[in-house]
Amino acid sequence: MREKKMSKTISTRINDEDAKKLEKIAEKENIDRSALVRKFILQKLREYEIKEMTELYQKGIVSLQEAASQANVSLYEIMEYVQKENIHPPDQTKEEIIAEIEDSKKYFK
């Protein structure tokens, strides 16, 4: 049986001009305004999580696989983000690189 996730209502105020923009986009997307706002918020949350985790990766705190896992995205998706944003891993010793490769193998079985 699936666990039911709780949802929470969040309200916010925006100016009339932005509300009109949301209405136009909602019409174009053929969804109601609240669904559009929810979609935008979830997209930004996802982007934020990816950004936060890749910053930890760049500092050497987490591996790329751990960053992907913590951000709830695929390894390939986070690799694309890292490449697009020109994010480089910290300098690693040969032993650290080998250990990370060995650890990553379990995700490709």
N, C-alpha and C. Protein backbone atom coordinates (compact mmCIF):
# COMPACT_ATOMS: atom_id res chain seq x y z
N MET A 1 0.83 -1.17 0.00
CA MET A 1 0.00 0.00 0.00
C MET A 1 0.89 1.25 0.00
N ARG A 2 0.53 2.22 -0.83
CA ARG A 2 1.31 3.45 -0.92
C ARG A 2 1.06 4.36 0.27
N GLU A 3 2.12 4.99 0.71
CA GLU A 3 2.00 5.95 1.80
C GLU A 3 1.49 7.26 1.21
N LYS A 4 0.47 7.82 1.82
CA LYS A 4 -0.10 9.07 1.33
C LYS A 4 0.77 10.23 1.83
N LYS A 5 1.19 11.08 0.91
CA LYS A 5 2.01 12.23 1.27
C LYS A 5 1.10 13.37 1.69
N MET A 6 1.49 14.03 2.74
CA MET A 6 0.74 15.19 3.20
C MET A 6 1.06 16.37 2.30
N SER A 7 0.10 17.22 2.08
CA SER A 7 0.37 18.43 1.33
C SER A 7 0.04 19.62 2.21
N LYS A 8 0.65 20.72 1.89
CA LYS A 8 0.50 21.92 2.70
C LYS A 8 0.15 23.08 1.80
N THR A 9 -0.76 23.91 2.23
CA THR A 9 -1.14 25.09 1.47
C THR A 9 -0.20 26.22 1.83
N ILE A 10 0.32 26.87 0.79
CA ILE A 10 1.19 28.02 0.97
C ILE A 10 0.57 29.17 0.18
N SER A 11 0.43 30.30 0.82
CA SER A 11 -0.12 31.45 0.09
C SER A 11 0.93 32.55 0.04
N THR A 12 0.85 33.35 -1.00
CA THR A 12 1.79 34.44 -1.17
C THR A 12 1.11 35.57 -1.94
N ARG A 13 1.67 36.73 -1.83
CA ARG A 13 1.14 37.88 -2.57
C ARG A 13 2.12 38.26 -3.66
N ILE A 14 1.58 38.57 -4.84
CA ILE A 14 2.39 39.08 -5.94
C ILE A 14 1.67 40.28 -6.53
N ASN A 15 2.41 41.11 -7.25
CA ASN A 15 1.78 42.30 -7.82
C ASN A 15 0.88 41.92 -9.00
N ASP A 16 0.02 42.83 -9.39
CA ASP A 16 -0.96 42.58 -10.45
C ASP A 16 -0.30 42.20 -11.77
N GLU A 17 0.80 42.85 -12.09
CA GLU A 17 1.49 42.57 -13.36
C GLU A 17 1.97 41.12 -13.41
N ASP A 18 2.56 40.65 -12.33
CA ASP A 18 3.03 39.26 -12.28
C ASP A 18 1.86 38.28 -12.30
N ALA A 19 0.76 38.64 -11.64
CA ALA A 19 -0.43 37.78 -11.64
C ALA A 19 -0.97 37.64 -13.06
N LYS A 20 -0.95 38.73 -13.82
CA LYS A 20 -1.40 38.68 -15.22
C LYS A 20 -0.49 37.78 -16.05
N LYS A 21 0.81 37.87 -15.80
CA LYS A 21 1.77 37.00 -16.51
C LYS A 21 1.47 35.54 -16.21
N LEU A 22 1.21 35.25 -14.95
CA LEU A 22 0.88 33.87 -14.57
C LEU A 22 -0.39 33.39 -15.27
N GLU A 23 -1.38 34.25 -15.33
CA GLU A 23 -2.64 33.89 -16.01
C GLU A 23 -2.39 33.56 -17.48
N LYS A 24 -1.58 34.38 -18.15
CA LYS A 24 -1.28 34.14 -19.57
C LYS A 24 -0.55 32.82 -19.77
N ILE A 25 0.42 32.56 -18.92
CA ILE A 25 1.17 31.31 -19.03
C ILE A 25 0.26 30.13 -18.72
N ALA A 26 -0.58 30.26 -17.71
CA ALA A 26 -1.50 29.18 -17.34
C ALA A 26 -2.45 28.87 -18.50
N GLU A 27 -2.94 29.90 -19.16
CA GLU A 27 -3.80 29.69 -20.33
C GLU A 27 -3.05 28.96 -21.43
N LYS A 28 -1.83 29.42 -21.69
CA LYS A 28 -1.01 28.81 -22.74
C LYS A 28 -0.73 27.34 -22.42
N GLU A 29 -0.44 27.05 -21.16
CA GLU A 29 -0.12 25.69 -20.72
C GLU A 29 -1.37 24.84 -20.50
N ASN A 30 -2.51 25.49 -20.53
CA ASN A 30 -3.80 24.81 -20.34
C ASN A 30 -3.91 24.16 -18.95
N ILE A 31 -3.45 24.90 -17.94
CA ILE A 31 -3.57 24.46 -16.55
C ILE A 31 -4.05 25.64 -15.71
N ASP A 32 -4.55 25.35 -14.51
CA ASP A 32 -4.99 26.47 -13.68
C ASP A 32 -3.78 27.14 -13.02
N ARG A 33 -4.01 28.35 -12.55
CA ARG A 33 -2.92 29.16 -12.01
C ARG A 33 -2.22 28.49 -10.83
N SER A 34 -2.98 27.88 -9.94
CA SER A 34 -2.35 27.25 -8.78
C SER A 34 -1.45 26.08 -9.20
N ALA A 35 -1.86 25.34 -10.22
CA ALA A 35 -1.02 24.24 -10.73
C ALA A 35 0.26 24.80 -11.34
N LEU A 36 0.14 25.93 -12.02
CA LEU A 36 1.32 26.55 -12.63
C LEU A 36 2.29 27.03 -11.55
N VAL A 37 1.76 27.69 -10.53
CA VAL A 37 2.61 28.17 -9.43
C VAL A 37 3.30 26.99 -8.75
N ARG A 38 2.56 25.91 -8.51
CA ARG A 38 3.13 24.70 -7.90
C ARG A 38 4.25 24.15 -8.79
N LYS A 39 4.01 24.11 -10.10
CA LYS A 39 5.02 23.62 -11.05
C LYS A 39 6.29 24.47 -10.98
N PHE A 40 6.12 25.79 -10.97
CA PHE A 40 7.27 26.69 -10.89
C PHE A 40 8.04 26.51 -9.58
N ILE A 41 7.33 26.41 -8.49
CA ILE A 41 7.99 26.24 -7.19
C ILE A 41 8.78 24.93 -7.15
N LEU A 42 8.16 23.85 -7.62
CA LEU A 42 8.85 22.55 -7.61
C LEU A 42 10.06 22.55 -8.53
N GLN A 43 9.96 23.23 -9.68
CA GLN A 43 11.12 23.33 -10.58
C GLN A 43 12.27 24.05 -9.89
N LYS A 44 11.96 25.16 -9.23
CA LYS A 44 13.00 25.93 -8.56
C LYS A 44 13.59 25.17 -7.37
N LEU A 45 12.77 24.44 -6.64
CA LEU A 45 13.29 23.62 -5.54
C LEU A 45 14.27 22.58 -6.06
N ARG A 46 13.91 21.96 -7.15
CA ARG A 46 14.77 20.94 -7.77
C ARG A 46 16.10 21.56 -8.21
N GLU A 47 16.01 22.71 -8.89
CA GLU A 47 17.22 23.41 -9.33
C GLU A 47 18.09 23.79 -8.14
N TYR A 48 17.46 24.25 -7.08
CA TYR A 48 18.20 24.65 -5.88
C TYR A 48 18.94 23.45 -5.27
N GLU A 49 18.25 22.32 -5.18
CA GLU A 49 18.88 21.12 -4.61
C GLU A 49 20.06 20.67 -5.46
N ILE A 50 19.92 20.71 -6.77
CA ILE A 50 21.03 20.33 -7.65
C ILE A 50 22.20 21.28 -7.45
N LYS A 51 21.92 22.57 -7.41
CA LYS A 51 22.98 23.57 -7.22
C LYS A 51 23.69 23.36 -5.89
N GLU A 52 22.92 23.17 -4.83
CA GLU A 52 23.52 22.96 -3.51
C GLU A 52 24.41 21.73 -3.48
N MET A 53 23.93 20.64 -4.05
CA MET A 53 24.69 19.39 -4.02
C MET A 53 25.93 19.46 -4.91
N THR A 54 25.85 20.15 -6.04
CA THR A 54 27.05 20.26 -6.88
C THR A 54 28.09 21.18 -6.24
N GLU A 55 27.65 22.12 -5.42
CA GLU A 55 28.61 22.93 -4.67
C GLU A 55 29.36 22.06 -3.65
N LEU A 56 28.64 21.15 -3.02
CA LEU A 56 29.29 20.22 -2.08
C LEU A 56 30.25 19.29 -2.83
N TYR A 57 29.85 18.88 -4.02
CA TYR A 57 30.72 18.04 -4.86
C TYR A 57 31.99 18.80 -5.21
N GLN A 58 31.84 20.06 -5.60
CA GLN A 58 33.00 20.87 -5.99
C GLN A 58 33.97 21.07 -4.82
N LYS A 59 33.44 21.10 -3.61
CA LYS A 59 34.27 21.25 -2.42
C LYS A 59 34.88 19.93 -1.96
N GLY A 60 34.45 18.82 -2.59
CA GLY A 60 34.98 17.52 -2.22
C GLY A 60 34.28 16.88 -1.04
N ILE A 61 33.13 17.42 -0.65
CA ILE A 61 32.40 16.90 0.50
C ILE A 61 31.61 15.65 0.13
N VAL A 62 31.06 15.61 -1.09
CA VAL A 62 30.31 14.44 -1.56
C VAL A 62 30.83 14.05 -2.94
N SER A 63 30.62 12.80 -3.29
CA SER A 63 30.95 12.35 -4.65
C SER A 63 29.85 12.80 -5.59
N LEU A 64 30.10 12.67 -6.87
CA LEU A 64 29.09 13.05 -7.86
C LEU A 64 27.85 12.17 -7.71
N GLN A 65 28.06 10.88 -7.46
CA GLN A 65 26.92 9.97 -7.26
C GLN A 65 26.13 10.35 -6.01
N GLU A 66 26.82 10.69 -4.94
CA GLU A 66 26.12 11.11 -3.72
C GLU A 66 25.34 12.40 -3.95
N ALA A 67 25.94 13.31 -4.71
CA ALA A 67 25.25 14.57 -5.04
C ALA A 67 23.97 14.29 -5.80
N ALA A 68 24.04 13.40 -6.77
CA ALA A 68 22.86 13.04 -7.56
C ALA A 68 21.80 12.40 -6.67
N SER A 69 22.23 11.49 -5.83
CA SER A 69 21.30 10.79 -4.95
C SER A 69 20.61 11.76 -3.98
N GLN A 70 21.38 12.64 -3.38
CA GLN A 70 20.82 13.60 -2.42
C GLN A 70 19.88 14.61 -3.09
N ALA A 71 20.15 14.93 -4.36
CA ALA A 71 19.30 15.87 -5.10
C ALA A 71 18.13 15.16 -5.77
N ASN A 72 18.06 13.84 -5.62
CA ASN A 72 16.98 13.03 -6.22
C ASN A 72 16.94 13.14 -7.74
N VAL A 73 18.12 13.13 -8.36
CA VAL A 73 18.21 13.13 -9.82
C VAL A 73 19.15 12.01 -10.24
N SER A 74 19.13 11.69 -11.52
CA SER A 74 20.02 10.64 -12.01
C SER A 74 21.46 11.15 -12.08
N LEU A 75 22.38 10.21 -12.07
CA LEU A 75 23.79 10.55 -12.21
C LEU A 75 24.01 11.29 -13.52
N TYR A 76 23.35 10.83 -14.57
CA TYR A 76 23.51 11.46 -15.88
C TYR A 76 23.01 12.90 -15.87
N GLU A 77 21.92 13.14 -15.18
CA GLU A 77 21.38 14.50 -15.12
C GLU A 77 22.33 15.44 -14.39
N ILE A 78 22.89 14.97 -13.29
CA ILE A 78 23.80 15.84 -12.54
C ILE A 78 25.11 16.02 -13.31
N MET A 79 25.51 14.99 -14.07
CA MET A 79 26.71 15.13 -14.90
C MET A 79 26.50 16.20 -15.97
N GLU A 80 25.31 16.23 -16.57
CA GLU A 80 24.99 17.26 -17.56
C GLU A 80 25.05 18.65 -16.92
N TYR A 81 24.50 18.78 -15.72
CA TYR A 81 24.51 20.06 -15.02
C TYR A 81 25.94 20.51 -14.73
N VAL A 82 26.75 19.60 -14.23
CA VAL A 82 28.15 19.90 -13.91
C VAL A 82 28.89 20.37 -15.16
N GLN A 83 28.65 19.69 -16.27
CA GLN A 83 29.30 20.06 -17.52
C GLN A 83 28.81 21.42 -18.00
N LYS A 84 27.49 21.63 -17.98
CA LYS A 84 26.91 22.89 -18.45
C LYS A 84 27.40 24.07 -17.62
N GLU A 85 27.51 23.88 -16.31
CA GLU A 85 27.92 24.95 -15.40
C GLU A 85 29.44 25.02 -15.23
N ASN A 86 30.16 24.14 -15.93
CA ASN A 86 31.62 24.12 -15.88
C ASN A 86 32.14 23.95 -14.44
N ILE A 87 31.53 23.03 -13.74
CA ILE A 87 31.91 22.74 -12.36
C ILE A 87 32.96 21.64 -12.38
N HIS A 88 34.04 21.89 -11.66
CA HIS A 88 35.15 20.93 -11.64
C HIS A 88 35.26 20.29 -10.27
N PRO A 89 35.60 19.01 -10.24
CA PRO A 89 35.78 18.35 -8.95
C PRO A 89 37.06 18.86 -8.29
N PRO A 90 37.16 18.67 -7.00
CA PRO A 90 38.40 19.08 -6.32
C PRO A 90 39.53 18.16 -6.76
N ASP A 91 40.74 18.62 -6.56
CA ASP A 91 41.89 17.78 -6.87
C ASP A 91 41.83 16.53 -5.99
N GLN A 92 42.05 15.38 -6.63
CA GLN A 92 42.00 14.12 -5.89
C GLN A 92 43.28 13.33 -6.13
N THR A 93 43.61 12.52 -5.15
CA THR A 93 44.73 11.62 -5.33
C THR A 93 44.28 10.45 -6.20
N LYS A 94 45.24 9.72 -6.72
CA LYS A 94 44.93 8.54 -7.54
C LYS A 94 44.08 7.56 -6.74
N GLU A 95 44.41 7.37 -5.48
CA GLU A 95 43.68 6.43 -4.63
C GLU A 95 42.23 6.87 -4.43
N GLU A 96 42.00 8.17 -4.26
CA GLU A 96 40.64 8.68 -4.09
C GLU A 96 39.81 8.47 -5.36
N ILE A 97 40.43 8.68 -6.50
CA ILE A 97 39.74 8.49 -7.78
C ILE A 97 39.35 7.02 -7.95
N ILE A 98 40.29 6.12 -7.66
CA ILE A 98 40.01 4.68 -7.78
C ILE A 98 38.90 4.28 -6.82
N ALA A 99 38.94 4.77 -5.60
CA ALA A 99 37.89 4.45 -4.61
C ALA A 99 36.52 4.94 -5.08
N GLU A 100 36.47 6.12 -5.68
CA GLU A 100 35.19 6.66 -6.17
C GLU A 100 34.67 5.84 -7.34
N ILE A 101 35.56 5.41 -8.22
CA ILE A 101 35.15 4.56 -9.35
C ILE A 101 34.60 3.24 -8.83
N GLU A 102 35.30 2.64 -7.88
CA GLU A 102 34.84 1.38 -7.30
C GLU A 102 33.47 1.55 -6.64
N ASP A 103 33.30 2.64 -5.92
CA ASP A 103 32.02 2.90 -5.25
C ASP A 103 30.90 3.10 -6.27
N SER A 104 31.20 3.73 -7.39
CA SER A 104 30.20 3.99 -8.43
C SER A 104 29.76 2.74 -9.16
N LYS A 105 30.60 1.72 -9.18
CA LYS A 105 30.27 0.49 -9.91
C LYS A 105 28.98 -0.14 -9.44
N LYS A 106 28.66 0.00 -8.17
CA LYS A 106 27.44 -0.61 -7.64
C LYS A 106 26.18 -0.01 -8.26
N TYR A 107 26.28 1.19 -8.81
CA TYR A 107 25.12 1.84 -9.41
C TYR A 107 24.92 1.42 -10.87
N PHE A 108 25.86 0.68 -11.43
CA PHE A 108 25.78 0.29 -12.84
C PHE A 108 25.61 -1.21 -13.03
N LYS A 109 25.17 -1.90 -12.01
CA LYS A 109 24.96 -3.35 -12.11
C LYS A 109 23.61 -3.65 -12.67
